[in-house]
Amino acid sequence: MPTDEEFLTRNHDVIAAFRAADGRVADVPFPVLLLTTTGARTGRPRTSPLGYTVHGGAVVVIGTRGGTDRQPSWFHNLLADPAVTVELGDRTHPAKAVVLHGAERDRAWAAAAAGNPLYAQYAESIDREIPVVLLEGVPVPG
């Protein structure tokens, strides 16, 4: 499993590539967006590159943290403050993060895992439920 430092370095590289190419990242095998949350402890903006999927006409992100047993920092942050900013392609959108639960979460998870086999592999290797978060206010890319 990657170390925290390796995650930070990789995230920094993906963010730079995303912004340099109007939202396209050549070496990532799935669509990427940038999610900016407010740090729960620091109050500072924190940007994370995340794979996303579209489910039920909405943009959804999945909290795999690369298949590790810890929840992602961005997830903890949005629990404290669900007001987020999303960079998708060359556009930036204010949004509200809504954590899905129960059957709604399960349907979105199944669709995401069907579209990206890595999600299912990550779920098999960890003991936590992977969060599924809908981003209200983000237009579906077309």
N, C-alpha and C. Protein backbone atom coordinates (compact mmCIF):
# COMPACT_ATOMS: atom_id res chain seq x y z
N MET A 1 0.83 -1.19 0.00
CA MET A 1 0.00 0.00 0.00
C MET A 1 0.88 1.25 0.00
N PRO A 2 0.43 2.29 -0.70
CA PRO A 2 1.21 3.53 -0.73
C PRO A 2 1.23 4.21 0.65
N THR A 3 2.32 4.89 0.92
CA THR A 3 2.42 5.68 2.16
C THR A 3 1.66 6.98 1.97
N ASP A 4 1.43 7.70 3.09
CA ASP A 4 0.77 9.00 3.00
C ASP A 4 1.58 9.96 2.11
N GLU A 5 2.89 9.91 2.24
CA GLU A 5 3.75 10.78 1.42
C GLU A 5 3.61 10.45 -0.06
N GLU A 6 3.53 9.15 -0.37
CA GLU A 6 3.36 8.75 -1.77
C GLU A 6 2.00 9.21 -2.31
N PHE A 7 0.95 9.12 -1.49
CA PHE A 7 -0.37 9.62 -1.89
C PHE A 7 -0.30 11.11 -2.19
N LEU A 8 0.34 11.87 -1.29
CA LEU A 8 0.43 13.32 -1.49
C LEU A 8 1.20 13.68 -2.75
N THR A 9 2.29 13.00 -2.98
CA THR A 9 3.09 13.27 -4.18
C THR A 9 2.29 12.94 -5.43
N ARG A 10 1.66 11.79 -5.45
CA ARG A 10 0.85 11.39 -6.61
C ARG A 10 -0.30 12.37 -6.82
N ASN A 11 -0.99 12.75 -5.74
CA ASN A 11 -2.09 13.70 -5.87
C ASN A 11 -1.62 15.04 -6.43
N HIS A 12 -0.49 15.52 -5.94
CA HIS A 12 0.07 16.78 -6.43
C HIS A 12 0.33 16.69 -7.94
N ASP A 13 0.90 15.58 -8.38
CA ASP A 13 1.20 15.38 -9.81
C ASP A 13 -0.08 15.34 -10.65
N VAL A 14 -1.10 14.64 -10.15
CA VAL A 14 -2.37 14.54 -10.89
C VAL A 14 -3.06 15.90 -10.95
N ILE A 15 -3.06 16.65 -9.85
CA ILE A 15 -3.67 17.99 -9.84
C ILE A 15 -2.98 18.89 -10.86
N ALA A 16 -1.67 18.87 -10.88
CA ALA A 16 -0.92 19.71 -11.84
C ALA A 16 -1.24 19.30 -13.27
N ALA A 17 -1.28 18.01 -13.56
CA ALA A 17 -1.59 17.53 -14.91
C ALA A 17 -3.02 17.90 -15.29
N PHE A 18 -3.95 17.76 -14.37
CA PHE A 18 -5.36 18.09 -14.60
C PHE A 18 -5.49 19.56 -15.01
N ARG A 19 -4.89 20.43 -14.23
CA ARG A 19 -5.02 21.86 -14.49
C ARG A 19 -4.27 22.29 -15.75
N ALA A 20 -3.20 21.63 -16.08
CA ALA A 20 -2.43 21.96 -17.28
C ALA A 20 -3.14 21.53 -18.56
N ALA A 21 -4.03 20.54 -18.46
CA ALA A 21 -4.66 19.97 -19.66
C ALA A 21 -6.18 20.10 -19.63
N ASP A 22 -6.70 21.14 -18.94
CA ASP A 22 -8.15 21.38 -18.91
C ASP A 22 -8.95 20.16 -18.48
N GLY A 23 -8.47 19.47 -17.46
CA GLY A 23 -9.23 18.39 -16.88
C GLY A 23 -8.97 17.01 -17.43
N ARG A 24 -7.99 16.88 -18.26
CA ARG A 24 -7.64 15.55 -18.79
C ARG A 24 -6.33 15.11 -18.14
N VAL A 25 -6.30 13.86 -17.72
CA VAL A 25 -5.09 13.30 -17.11
C VAL A 25 -4.77 12.02 -17.87
N ALA A 26 -3.70 12.06 -18.63
CA ALA A 26 -3.38 10.97 -19.57
C ALA A 26 -3.09 9.64 -18.89
N ASP A 27 -2.42 9.64 -17.75
CA ASP A 27 -1.99 8.36 -17.17
C ASP A 27 -2.92 7.84 -16.08
N VAL A 28 -4.16 8.32 -16.06
CA VAL A 28 -5.15 7.81 -15.10
C VAL A 28 -6.24 7.13 -15.92
N PRO A 29 -6.55 5.85 -15.60
CA PRO A 29 -7.45 5.07 -16.45
C PRO A 29 -8.95 5.30 -16.21
N PHE A 30 -9.33 6.44 -15.64
CA PHE A 30 -10.74 6.74 -15.40
C PHE A 30 -10.90 8.26 -15.37
N PRO A 31 -12.13 8.75 -15.53
CA PRO A 31 -12.35 10.20 -15.50
C PRO A 31 -12.02 10.77 -14.12
N VAL A 32 -11.43 11.96 -14.11
CA VAL A 32 -10.97 12.58 -12.86
C VAL A 32 -11.61 13.96 -12.70
N LEU A 33 -11.93 14.30 -11.46
CA LEU A 33 -12.31 15.65 -11.09
C LEU A 33 -11.47 16.07 -9.90
N LEU A 34 -11.45 17.36 -9.62
CA LEU A 34 -10.77 17.85 -8.42
C LEU A 34 -11.83 18.30 -7.43
N LEU A 35 -11.75 17.78 -6.22
CA LEU A 35 -12.68 18.12 -5.15
C LEU A 35 -11.93 18.94 -4.11
N THR A 36 -12.41 20.15 -3.86
CA THR A 36 -11.80 20.98 -2.81
C THR A 36 -12.77 21.03 -1.64
N THR A 37 -12.27 20.58 -0.50
CA THR A 37 -13.02 20.61 0.76
C THR A 37 -12.35 21.61 1.69
N THR A 38 -13.00 21.87 2.80
CA THR A 38 -12.40 22.70 3.85
C THR A 38 -11.87 21.77 4.92
N GLY A 39 -10.58 21.89 5.24
CA GLY A 39 -9.98 21.03 6.25
C GLY A 39 -10.73 21.10 7.57
N ALA A 40 -11.14 19.96 8.09
CA ALA A 40 -11.93 19.92 9.33
C ALA A 40 -11.16 20.48 10.52
N ARG A 41 -9.85 20.27 10.55
CA ARG A 41 -9.04 20.79 11.66
C ARG A 41 -8.44 22.14 11.36
N THR A 42 -8.03 22.35 10.11
CA THR A 42 -7.28 23.56 9.78
C THR A 42 -8.14 24.70 9.24
N GLY A 43 -9.28 24.36 8.65
CA GLY A 43 -10.11 25.37 7.99
C GLY A 43 -9.55 25.81 6.65
N ARG A 44 -8.48 25.18 6.20
CA ARG A 44 -7.85 25.54 4.92
C ARG A 44 -8.42 24.70 3.79
N PRO A 45 -8.41 25.25 2.56
CA PRO A 45 -8.87 24.45 1.42
C PRO A 45 -7.92 23.28 1.16
N ARG A 46 -8.51 22.13 0.85
CA ARG A 46 -7.75 20.91 0.54
C ARG A 46 -8.30 20.33 -0.76
N THR A 47 -7.43 20.18 -1.74
CA THR A 47 -7.86 19.68 -3.04
C THR A 47 -7.37 18.25 -3.25
N SER A 48 -8.30 17.40 -3.71
CA SER A 48 -8.00 16.00 -3.96
C SER A 48 -8.46 15.61 -5.36
N PRO A 49 -7.62 14.92 -6.12
CA PRO A 49 -8.08 14.38 -7.40
C PRO A 49 -8.83 13.07 -7.13
N LEU A 50 -10.00 12.95 -7.73
CA LEU A 50 -10.82 11.77 -7.50
C LEU A 50 -11.39 11.24 -8.81
N GLY A 51 -11.46 9.94 -8.90
CA GLY A 51 -12.22 9.34 -9.99
C GLY A 51 -13.69 9.61 -9.72
N TYR A 52 -14.45 9.74 -10.78
CA TYR A 52 -15.88 9.95 -10.59
C TYR A 52 -16.65 9.09 -11.57
N THR A 53 -17.94 8.97 -11.29
CA THR A 53 -18.86 8.28 -12.18
C THR A 53 -20.15 9.08 -12.21
N VAL A 54 -21.01 8.75 -13.14
CA VAL A 54 -22.32 9.38 -13.22
C VAL A 54 -23.34 8.31 -12.88
N HIS A 55 -24.22 8.65 -11.94
CA HIS A 55 -25.26 7.70 -11.52
C HIS A 55 -26.56 8.47 -11.32
N GLY A 56 -27.61 8.02 -11.97
CA GLY A 56 -28.91 8.66 -11.79
C GLY A 56 -28.90 10.13 -12.18
N GLY A 57 -28.11 10.48 -13.17
CA GLY A 57 -28.06 11.86 -13.62
C GLY A 57 -27.27 12.78 -12.73
N ALA A 58 -26.41 12.22 -11.87
CA ALA A 58 -25.61 13.03 -10.96
C ALA A 58 -24.16 12.53 -10.94
N VAL A 59 -23.25 13.44 -10.61
CA VAL A 59 -21.84 13.09 -10.48
C VAL A 59 -21.62 12.51 -9.08
N VAL A 60 -20.92 11.38 -9.03
CA VAL A 60 -20.70 10.65 -7.78
C VAL A 60 -19.21 10.35 -7.66
N VAL A 61 -18.67 10.50 -6.44
CA VAL A 61 -17.29 10.11 -6.15
C VAL A 61 -17.30 8.98 -5.13
N ILE A 62 -16.25 8.17 -5.18
CA ILE A 62 -16.15 6.97 -4.36
C ILE A 62 -14.90 7.09 -3.48
N GLY A 63 -15.05 6.87 -2.17
CA GLY A 63 -13.95 7.05 -1.22
C GLY A 63 -13.11 5.81 -1.00
N THR A 64 -12.39 5.37 -2.04
CA THR A 64 -11.61 4.15 -1.90
C THR A 64 -10.29 4.35 -1.17
N ARG A 65 -9.72 5.55 -1.28
CA ARG A 65 -8.37 5.85 -0.79
C ARG A 65 -7.39 4.77 -1.25
N GLY A 66 -7.51 4.42 -2.52
CA GLY A 66 -6.56 3.47 -3.10
C GLY A 66 -6.62 2.09 -2.50
N GLY A 67 -7.75 1.72 -1.91
CA GLY A 67 -7.89 0.38 -1.34
C GLY A 67 -7.27 0.23 0.03
N THR A 68 -7.07 1.33 0.75
CA THR A 68 -6.52 1.25 2.11
C THR A 68 -7.66 1.22 3.13
N ASP A 69 -7.34 0.82 4.35
CA ASP A 69 -8.36 0.69 5.39
C ASP A 69 -8.79 2.02 6.02
N ARG A 70 -8.08 3.09 5.73
CA ARG A 70 -8.46 4.40 6.31
C ARG A 70 -9.37 5.15 5.35
N GLN A 71 -10.35 5.85 5.93
CA GLN A 71 -11.19 6.72 5.11
C GLN A 71 -10.32 7.85 4.56
N PRO A 72 -10.65 8.35 3.38
CA PRO A 72 -9.87 9.46 2.82
C PRO A 72 -10.08 10.75 3.62
N SER A 73 -9.06 11.57 3.66
CA SER A 73 -9.15 12.85 4.39
C SER A 73 -10.26 13.73 3.84
N TRP A 74 -10.42 13.74 2.51
CA TRP A 74 -11.46 14.57 1.92
C TRP A 74 -12.84 14.17 2.44
N PHE A 75 -13.03 12.88 2.74
CA PHE A 75 -14.32 12.42 3.24
C PHE A 75 -14.57 12.97 4.65
N HIS A 76 -13.56 12.91 5.51
CA HIS A 76 -13.70 13.48 6.86
C HIS A 76 -14.02 14.97 6.77
N ASN A 77 -13.36 15.67 5.84
CA ASN A 77 -13.58 17.10 5.69
C ASN A 77 -15.01 17.41 5.27
N LEU A 78 -15.55 16.67 4.31
CA LEU A 78 -16.90 17.00 3.85
C LEU A 78 -17.96 16.60 4.85
N LEU A 79 -17.65 15.66 5.74
CA LEU A 79 -18.59 15.38 6.83
C LEU A 79 -18.71 16.59 7.75
N ALA A 80 -17.61 17.30 7.96
CA ALA A 80 -17.62 18.49 8.80
C ALA A 80 -18.23 19.68 8.08
N ASP A 81 -18.05 19.77 6.76
CA ASP A 81 -18.58 20.88 5.97
C ASP A 81 -18.85 20.37 4.56
N PRO A 82 -20.13 20.13 4.23
CA PRO A 82 -20.44 19.56 2.91
C PRO A 82 -20.37 20.55 1.74
N ALA A 83 -20.08 21.82 2.01
CA ALA A 83 -19.91 22.78 0.92
C ALA A 83 -18.53 22.55 0.30
N VAL A 84 -18.52 22.19 -0.98
CA VAL A 84 -17.28 21.85 -1.68
C VAL A 84 -17.21 22.61 -3.00
N THR A 85 -16.03 22.55 -3.61
CA THR A 85 -15.84 23.08 -4.95
C THR A 85 -15.34 21.94 -5.82
N VAL A 86 -15.90 21.85 -7.02
CA VAL A 86 -15.55 20.76 -7.93
C VAL A 86 -15.02 21.34 -9.23
N GLU A 87 -13.83 20.90 -9.62
CA GLU A 87 -13.28 21.23 -10.93
C GLU A 87 -13.49 20.02 -11.81
N LEU A 88 -14.23 20.23 -12.89
CA LEU A 88 -14.56 19.15 -13.80
C LEU A 88 -14.29 19.66 -15.21
N GLY A 89 -13.33 19.04 -15.89
CA GLY A 89 -12.90 19.59 -17.17
C GLY A 89 -12.28 20.96 -16.94
N ASP A 90 -12.72 21.93 -17.71
CA ASP A 90 -12.18 23.27 -17.54
C ASP A 90 -13.12 24.20 -16.78
N ARG A 91 -14.06 23.63 -16.05
CA ARG A 91 -15.05 24.42 -15.30
C ARG A 91 -14.98 24.13 -13.81
N THR A 92 -15.36 25.13 -13.03
CA THR A 92 -15.39 25.01 -11.58
C THR A 92 -16.81 25.26 -11.09
N HIS A 93 -17.28 24.40 -10.17
CA HIS A 93 -18.65 24.46 -9.69
C HIS A 93 -18.69 24.40 -8.17
N PRO A 94 -19.46 25.29 -7.53
CA PRO A 94 -19.75 25.08 -6.11
C PRO A 94 -20.72 23.92 -6.01
N ALA A 95 -20.61 23.13 -4.98
CA ALA A 95 -21.48 21.96 -4.85
C ALA A 95 -21.71 21.64 -3.38
N LYS A 96 -22.66 20.75 -3.17
CA LYS A 96 -22.93 20.21 -1.84
C LYS A 96 -22.69 18.71 -1.91
N ALA A 97 -21.86 18.20 -1.02
CA ALA A 97 -21.57 16.77 -0.96
C ALA A 97 -22.62 16.08 -0.10
N VAL A 98 -23.23 15.05 -0.67
CA VAL A 98 -24.26 14.29 0.04
C VAL A 98 -23.82 12.84 0.10
N VAL A 99 -23.57 12.35 1.31
CA VAL A 99 -23.16 10.96 1.50
C VAL A 99 -24.39 10.07 1.32
N LEU A 100 -24.27 9.10 0.44
CA LEU A 100 -25.38 8.18 0.20
C LEU A 100 -25.33 7.03 1.20
N HIS A 101 -26.53 6.56 1.58
CA HIS A 101 -26.67 5.47 2.55
C HIS A 101 -27.67 4.44 2.06
N GLY A 102 -27.62 3.26 2.65
CA GLY A 102 -28.62 2.22 2.40
C GLY A 102 -28.70 1.80 0.95
N ALA A 103 -29.93 1.58 0.50
CA ALA A 103 -30.16 1.07 -0.86
C ALA A 103 -29.67 2.06 -1.91
N GLU A 104 -29.81 3.36 -1.64
CA GLU A 104 -29.33 4.36 -2.60
C GLU A 104 -27.82 4.25 -2.77
N ARG A 105 -27.10 4.10 -1.68
CA ARG A 105 -25.65 3.92 -1.73
C ARG A 105 -25.29 2.64 -2.48
N ASP A 106 -26.01 1.56 -2.15
CA ASP A 106 -25.71 0.27 -2.76
C ASP A 106 -25.90 0.30 -4.27
N ARG A 107 -26.96 0.96 -4.76
CA ARG A 107 -27.20 1.06 -6.21
C ARG A 107 -26.08 1.86 -6.87
N ALA A 108 -25.71 3.00 -6.28
CA ALA A 108 -24.64 3.82 -6.85
C ALA A 108 -23.31 3.08 -6.81
N TRP A 109 -23.05 2.37 -5.72
CA TRP A 109 -21.82 1.59 -5.60
C TRP A 109 -21.76 0.51 -6.67
N ALA A 110 -22.86 -0.23 -6.86
CA ALA A 110 -22.88 -1.31 -7.85
C ALA A 110 -22.62 -0.77 -9.25
N ALA A 111 -23.21 0.37 -9.57
CA ALA A 111 -23.00 0.97 -10.89
C ALA A 111 -21.55 1.40 -11.05
N ALA A 112 -20.97 2.01 -10.02
CA ALA A 112 -19.58 2.46 -10.09
C ALA A 112 -18.64 1.27 -10.23
N ALA A 113 -18.87 0.22 -9.44
CA ALA A 113 -18.01 -0.97 -9.50
C ALA A 113 -18.14 -1.69 -10.84
N ALA A 114 -19.32 -1.66 -11.44
CA ALA A 114 -19.49 -2.26 -12.76
C ALA A 114 -18.71 -1.49 -13.82
N GLY A 115 -18.62 -0.18 -13.65
CA GLY A 115 -17.91 0.66 -14.60
C GLY A 115 -16.42 0.74 -14.38
N ASN A 116 -15.97 0.43 -13.18
CA ASN A 116 -14.55 0.50 -12.86
C ASN A 116 -14.19 -0.67 -11.95
N PRO A 117 -13.63 -1.75 -12.50
CA PRO A 117 -13.31 -2.94 -11.72
C PRO A 117 -12.36 -2.69 -10.54
N LEU A 118 -11.59 -1.61 -10.58
CA LEU A 118 -10.71 -1.30 -9.43
C LEU A 118 -11.51 -1.12 -8.15
N TYR A 119 -12.69 -0.51 -8.24
CA TYR A 119 -13.51 -0.29 -7.05
C TYR A 119 -13.83 -1.62 -6.36
N ALA A 120 -14.23 -2.61 -7.14
CA ALA A 120 -14.55 -3.91 -6.57
C ALA A 120 -13.31 -4.56 -5.97
N GLN A 121 -12.17 -4.42 -6.64
CA GLN A 121 -10.92 -4.97 -6.09
C GLN A 121 -10.58 -4.31 -4.76
N TYR A 122 -10.73 -3.00 -4.69
CA TYR A 122 -10.45 -2.29 -3.43
C TYR A 122 -11.37 -2.78 -2.32
N ALA A 123 -12.65 -2.94 -2.62
CA ALA A 123 -13.62 -3.36 -1.61
C ALA A 123 -13.29 -4.73 -1.05
N GLU A 124 -12.77 -5.61 -1.89
CA GLU A 124 -12.42 -6.96 -1.44
C GLU A 124 -11.22 -6.97 -0.50
N SER A 125 -10.38 -5.94 -0.57
CA SER A 125 -9.15 -5.95 0.20
C SER A 125 -9.22 -5.18 1.52
N ILE A 126 -10.37 -4.59 1.83
CA ILE A 126 -10.47 -3.78 3.06
C ILE A 126 -11.68 -4.17 3.89
N ASP A 127 -11.69 -3.71 5.14
CA ASP A 127 -12.76 -4.06 6.07
C ASP A 127 -13.76 -2.93 6.33
N ARG A 128 -13.64 -1.82 5.64
CA ARG A 128 -14.55 -0.70 5.87
C ARG A 128 -15.52 -0.57 4.69
N GLU A 129 -16.67 0.05 4.95
CA GLU A 129 -17.58 0.35 3.85
C GLU A 129 -17.03 1.58 3.14
N ILE A 130 -16.91 1.48 1.83
CA ILE A 130 -16.38 2.58 1.04
C ILE A 130 -17.49 3.61 0.83
N PRO A 131 -17.23 4.86 1.19
CA PRO A 131 -18.27 5.88 1.03
C PRO A 131 -18.54 6.21 -0.44
N VAL A 132 -19.80 6.51 -0.69
CA VAL A 132 -20.25 6.95 -2.01
C VAL A 132 -20.90 8.31 -1.79
N VAL A 133 -20.42 9.33 -2.53
CA VAL A 133 -20.83 10.71 -2.28
C VAL A 133 -21.34 11.34 -3.57
N LEU A 134 -22.56 11.84 -3.52
CA LEU A 134 -23.16 12.55 -4.63
C LEU A 134 -22.78 14.02 -4.52
N LEU A 135 -22.45 14.63 -5.63
CA LEU A 135 -22.06 16.04 -5.66
C LEU A 135 -23.19 16.86 -6.27
N GLU A 136 -24.06 17.39 -5.42
CA GLU A 136 -25.20 18.19 -5.87
C GLU A 136 -24.73 19.50 -6.46
N GLY A 137 -25.27 19.86 -7.60
CA GLY A 137 -24.93 21.13 -8.22
C GLY A 137 -23.86 21.04 -9.29
N VAL A 138 -23.35 19.84 -9.53
CA VAL A 138 -22.33 19.65 -10.55
C VAL A 138 -23.01 19.10 -11.80
N PRO A 139 -22.97 19.82 -12.91
CA PRO A 139 -23.60 19.30 -14.13
C PRO A 139 -22.86 18.07 -14.65
N VAL A 140 -23.64 17.12 -15.11
CA VAL A 140 -23.08 15.89 -15.66
C VAL A 140 -22.36 16.24 -16.98
N PRO A 141 -21.11 15.80 -17.11
CA PRO A 141 -20.40 16.07 -18.35
C PRO A 141 -21.09 15.41 -19.54
N GLY A 142 -21.04 16.08 -20.66
CA GLY A 142 -21.74 15.52 -21.80
C GLY A 142 -20.98 15.51 -22.99
